[in-house]
PDB file of N, CA and C in Angstrom:
ATOM      1  N   UNK A   1     -31.852  14.586 -13.351  1.00  0.00           N
ATOM      2  CA  UNK A   1     -31.344  13.882 -14.500  1.00  0.00           C
ATOM      3  C   UNK A   1     -31.606  12.389 -14.311  1.00  0.00           C
ATOM      4  N   UNK A   2     -32.299  11.783 -15.232  1.00  0.00           N
ATOM      5  CA  UNK A   2     -32.629  10.364 -15.149  1.00  0.00           C
ATOM      6  C   UNK A   2     -31.474   9.523 -15.684  1.00  0.00           C
ATOM      7  N   UNK A   3     -31.283   8.365 -15.067  1.00  0.00           N
ATOM      8  CA  UNK A   3     -30.238   7.438 -15.505  1.00  0.00           C
ATOM      9  C   UNK A   3     -30.902   6.132 -15.893  1.00  0.00           C
ATOM     10  N   UNK A   4     -30.248   5.408 -16.772  1.00  0.00           N
ATOM     11  CA  UNK A   4     -30.802   4.118 -17.180  1.00  0.00           C
ATOM     12  C   UNK A   4     -30.164   2.947 -16.433  1.00  0.00           C
ATOM     13  N   UNK A   5     -29.369   3.245 -15.438  1.00  0.00           N
ATOM     14  CA  UNK A   5     -28.737   2.187 -14.667  1.00  0.00           C
ATOM     15  C   UNK A   5     -28.099   2.740 -13.405  1.00  0.00           C
ATOM     16  N   UNK A   6     -27.419   1.874 -12.685  1.00  0.00           N
ATOM     17  CA  UNK A   6     -26.780   2.242 -11.427  1.00  0.00           C
ATOM     18  C   UNK A   6     -25.470   2.963 -11.697  1.00  0.00           C
ATOM     19  N   UNK A   7     -25.198   4.000 -10.945  1.00  0.00           N
ATOM     20  CA  UNK A   7     -23.924   4.726 -11.040  1.00  0.00           C
ATOM     21  C   UNK A   7     -23.285   4.765  -9.662  1.00  0.00           C
ATOM     22  N   UNK A   8     -21.969   4.660  -9.646  1.00  0.00           N
ATOM     23  CA  UNK A   8     -21.251   4.768  -8.385  1.00  0.00           C
ATOM     24  C   UNK A   8     -21.360   6.189  -7.849  1.00  0.00           C
ATOM     25  N   UNK A   9     -21.234   6.328  -6.553  1.00  0.00           N
ATOM     26  CA  UNK A   9     -21.252   7.658  -5.948  1.00  0.00           C
ATOM     27  C   UNK A   9     -19.972   8.401  -6.315  1.00  0.00           C
ATOM     28  N   UNK A  10     -20.019   9.713  -6.257  1.00  0.00           N
ATOM     29  CA  UNK A  10     -18.818  10.496  -6.565  1.00  0.00           C
ATOM     30  C   UNK A  10     -17.708  10.205  -5.562  1.00  0.00           C
ATOM     31  N   UNK A  11     -18.065   9.884  -4.335  1.00  0.00           N
ATOM     32  CA  UNK A  11     -17.066   9.520  -3.329  1.00  0.00           C
ATOM     33  C   UNK A  11     -16.329   8.257  -3.752  1.00  0.00           C
ATOM     34  N   UNK A  12     -17.056   7.286  -4.230  1.00  0.00           N
ATOM     35  CA  UNK A  12     -16.446   6.022  -4.673  1.00  0.00           C
ATOM     36  C   UNK A  12     -15.586   6.234  -5.922  1.00  0.00           C
ATOM     37  N   UNK A  13     -16.076   7.022  -6.855  1.00  0.00           N
ATOM     38  CA  UNK A  13     -15.315   7.312  -8.068  1.00  0.00           C
ATOM     39  C   UNK A  13     -14.020   8.037  -7.717  1.00  0.00           C
ATOM     40  N   UNK A  14     -14.092   9.001  -6.802  1.00  0.00           N
ATOM     41  CA  UNK A  14     -12.902   9.735  -6.367  1.00  0.00           C
ATOM     42  C   UNK A  14     -11.907   8.785  -5.717  1.00  0.00           C
ATOM     43  N   UNK A  15     -12.381   7.887  -4.872  1.00  0.00           N
ATOM     44  CA  UNK A  15     -11.498   6.921  -4.208  1.00  0.00           C
ATOM     45  C   UNK A  15     -10.827   6.007  -5.232  1.00  0.00           C
ATOM     46  N   UNK A  16     -11.562   5.560  -6.232  1.00  0.00           N
ATOM     47  CA  UNK A  16     -10.988   4.706  -7.267  1.00  0.00           C
ATOM     48  C   UNK A  16      -9.940   5.458  -8.090  1.00  0.00           C
ATOM     49  N   UNK A  17     -10.238   6.694  -8.447  1.00  0.00           N
ATOM     50  CA  UNK A  17      -9.286   7.503  -9.222  1.00  0.00           C
ATOM     51  C   UNK A  17      -8.013   7.762  -8.419  1.00  0.00           C
ATOM     52  N   UNK A  18      -8.155   8.046  -7.145  1.00  0.00           N
ATOM     53  CA  UNK A  18      -6.987   8.278  -6.283  1.00  0.00           C
ATOM     54  C   UNK A  18      -6.152   6.999  -6.149  1.00  0.00           C
ATOM     55  N   UNK A  19      -6.806   5.870  -5.998  1.00  0.00           N
ATOM     56  CA  UNK A  19      -6.101   4.594  -5.917  1.00  0.00           C
ATOM     57  C   UNK A  19      -5.343   4.294  -7.202  1.00  0.00           C
ATOM     58  N   UNK A  20      -5.954   4.566  -8.332  1.00  0.00           N
ATOM     59  CA  UNK A  20      -5.321   4.378  -9.639  1.00  0.00           C
ATOM     60  C   UNK A  20      -4.083   5.260  -9.738  1.00  0.00           C
ATOM     61  N   UNK A  21      -4.215   6.523  -9.351  1.00  0.00           N
ATOM     62  CA  UNK A  21      -3.100   7.457  -9.402  1.00  0.00           C
ATOM     63  C   UNK A  21      -1.960   7.001  -8.483  1.00  0.00           C
ATOM     64  N   UNK A  22      -2.282   6.602  -7.254  1.00  0.00           N
ATOM     65  CA  UNK A  22      -1.260   6.139  -6.304  1.00  0.00           C
ATOM     66  C   UNK A  22      -0.532   4.904  -6.823  1.00  0.00           C
ATOM     67  N   UNK A  23      -1.282   3.980  -7.427  1.00  0.00           N
ATOM     68  CA  UNK A  23      -0.690   2.754  -7.951  1.00  0.00           C
ATOM     69  C   UNK A  23       0.355   3.072  -9.009  1.00  0.00           C
ATOM     70  N   UNK A  24       0.007   3.942  -9.956  1.00  0.00           N
ATOM     71  CA  UNK A  24       0.958   4.257 -11.013  1.00  0.00           C
ATOM     72  C   UNK A  24       2.100   5.140 -10.518  1.00  0.00           C
ATOM     73  N   UNK A  25       1.855   5.949  -9.511  1.00  0.00           N
ATOM     74  CA  UNK A  25       2.940   6.739  -8.920  1.00  0.00           C
ATOM     75  C   UNK A  25       3.962   5.807  -8.267  1.00  0.00           C
ATOM     76  N   UNK A  26       3.486   4.760  -7.585  1.00  0.00           N
ATOM     77  CA  UNK A  26       4.397   3.794  -6.968  1.00  0.00           C
ATOM     78  C   UNK A  26       5.142   2.990  -8.028  1.00  0.00           C
ATOM     79  N   UNK A  27       4.456   2.594  -9.085  1.00  0.00           N
ATOM     80  CA  UNK A  27       5.116   1.863 -10.166  1.00  0.00           C
ATOM     81  C   UNK A  27       6.197   2.710 -10.823  1.00  0.00           C
ATOM     82  N   UNK A  28       5.931   3.999 -10.994  1.00  0.00           N
ATOM     83  CA  UNK A  28       6.880   4.901 -11.654  1.00  0.00           C
ATOM     84  C   UNK A  28       8.184   5.004 -10.880  1.00  0.00           C
ATOM     85  N   UNK A  29       8.138   4.752  -9.592  1.00  0.00           N
ATOM     86  CA  UNK A  29       9.350   4.796  -8.785  1.00  0.00           C
ATOM     87  C   UNK A  29      10.265   3.603  -9.080  1.00  0.00           C
ATOM     88  N   UNK A  30       9.729   2.553  -9.717  1.00  0.00           N
ATOM     89  CA  UNK A  30      10.487   1.321  -9.937  1.00  0.00           C
ATOM     90  C   UNK A  30      10.606   0.899 -11.396  1.00  0.00           C
ATOM     91  N   UNK A  31       9.757   1.447 -12.245  1.00  0.00           N
ATOM     92  CA  UNK A  31       9.762   1.061 -13.657  1.00  0.00           C
ATOM     93  C   UNK A  31       9.282   2.239 -14.500  1.00  0.00           C
ATOM     94  N   UNK A  32       9.720   2.291 -15.756  1.00  0.00           N
ATOM     95  CA  UNK A  32       9.252   3.377 -16.613  1.00  0.00           C
ATOM     96  C   UNK A  32       7.731   3.299 -16.814  1.00  0.00           C
ATOM     97  N   UNK A  33       7.094   4.431 -16.713  1.00  0.00           N
ATOM     98  CA  UNK A  33       5.651   4.515 -16.934  1.00  0.00           C
ATOM     99  C   UNK A  33       5.427   5.555 -18.015  1.00  0.00           C
ATOM    100  N   UNK A  34       4.767   5.166 -19.078  1.00  0.00           N
ATOM    101  CA  UNK A  34       4.466   6.069 -20.183  1.00  0.00           C
ATOM    102  C   UNK A  34       3.127   6.748 -19.918  1.00  0.00           C
ATOM    103  N   UNK A  35       3.127   8.068 -19.929  1.00  0.00           N
ATOM    104  CA  UNK A  35       1.899   8.832 -19.733  1.00  0.00           C
ATOM    105  C   UNK A  35       1.551   9.517 -21.045  1.00  0.00           C
ATOM    106  N   UNK A  36       0.352   9.292 -21.527  1.00  0.00           N
ATOM    107  CA  UNK A  36      -0.098   9.876 -22.783  1.00  0.00           C
ATOM    108  C   UNK A  36      -1.166  10.914 -22.491  1.00  0.00           C
ATOM    109  N   UNK A  37      -0.937  12.140 -22.958  1.00  0.00           N
ATOM    110  CA  UNK A  37      -1.907  13.215 -22.768  1.00  0.00           C
ATOM    111  C   UNK A  37      -2.959  13.119 -23.857  1.00  0.00           C
ATOM    112  N   UNK A  38      -4.151  12.690 -23.492  1.00  0.00           N
ATOM    113  CA  UNK A  38      -5.238  12.565 -24.470  1.00  0.00           C
ATOM    114  C   UNK A  38      -6.130  13.796 -24.501  1.00  0.00           C
ATOM    115  N   UNK A  39      -5.806  14.802 -23.688  1.00  0.00           N
ATOM    116  CA  UNK A  39      -6.661  15.992 -23.633  1.00  0.00           C
ATOM    117  C   UNK A  39      -6.461  16.902 -24.840  1.00  0.00           C
ATOM    118  N   UNK A  40      -5.371  16.724 -25.593  1.00  0.00           N
ATOM    119  CA  UNK A  40      -5.128  17.586 -26.742  1.00  0.00           C
ATOM    120  C   UNK A  40      -5.641  16.973 -28.040  1.00  0.00           C
ATOM    121  N   UNK A  41      -6.076  15.729 -28.017  1.00  0.00           N
ATOM    122  CA  UNK A  41      -6.590  15.056 -29.194  1.00  0.00           C
ATOM    123  C   UNK A  41      -8.006  15.535 -29.482  1.00  0.00           C
ATOM    124  N   UNK A  42      -8.328  15.836 -30.728  1.00  0.00           N
ATOM    125  CA  UNK A  42      -9.693  16.223 -31.046  1.00  0.00           C
ATOM    126  C   UNK A  42     -10.684  15.122 -30.679  1.00  0.00           C
ATOM    127  N   UNK A  43     -11.890  15.504 -30.353  1.00  0.00           N
ATOM    128  CA  UNK A  43     -12.918  14.519 -30.003  1.00  0.00           C
ATOM    129  C   UNK A  43     -13.279  13.682 -31.210  1.00  0.00           C
ATOM    130  N   UNK A  44     -13.764  12.508 -30.948  1.00  0.00           N
ATOM    131  CA  UNK A  44     -14.183  11.614 -32.029  1.00  0.00           C
ATOM    132  C   UNK A  44     -13.462  10.297 -31.921  1.00  0.00           C
ATOM    133  N   UNK A  45     -13.856   9.357 -32.752  1.00  0.00           N
ATOM    134  CA  UNK A  45     -13.243   8.035 -32.696  1.00  0.00           C
ATOM    135  C   UNK A  45     -11.791   8.061 -33.149  1.00  0.00           C
ATOM    136  N   UNK A  46     -11.010   7.163 -32.564  1.00  0.00           N
ATOM    137  CA  UNK A  46      -9.609   7.039 -32.968  1.00  0.00           C
ATOM    138  C   UNK A  46      -9.540   6.466 -34.371  1.00  0.00           C
ATOM    139  N   UNK A  47      -8.498   6.805 -35.061  1.00  0.00           N
ATOM    140  CA  UNK A  47      -8.387   6.192 -36.380  1.00  0.00           C
ATOM    141  C   UNK A  47      -7.668   6.969 -37.315  1.00  0.00           C
TER     142      UNK A  47
END
């Protein structure tokens, strides 16, 4: 599969996603965190 630019490795993407998750998990212990499930929204632009 050809790409038109540089992409991060899956290892790096996984590390970033895990860091994001840990950050919000720690915040949730001290402040309300709103989680919105976007997986049930039909595809397409918002509006």
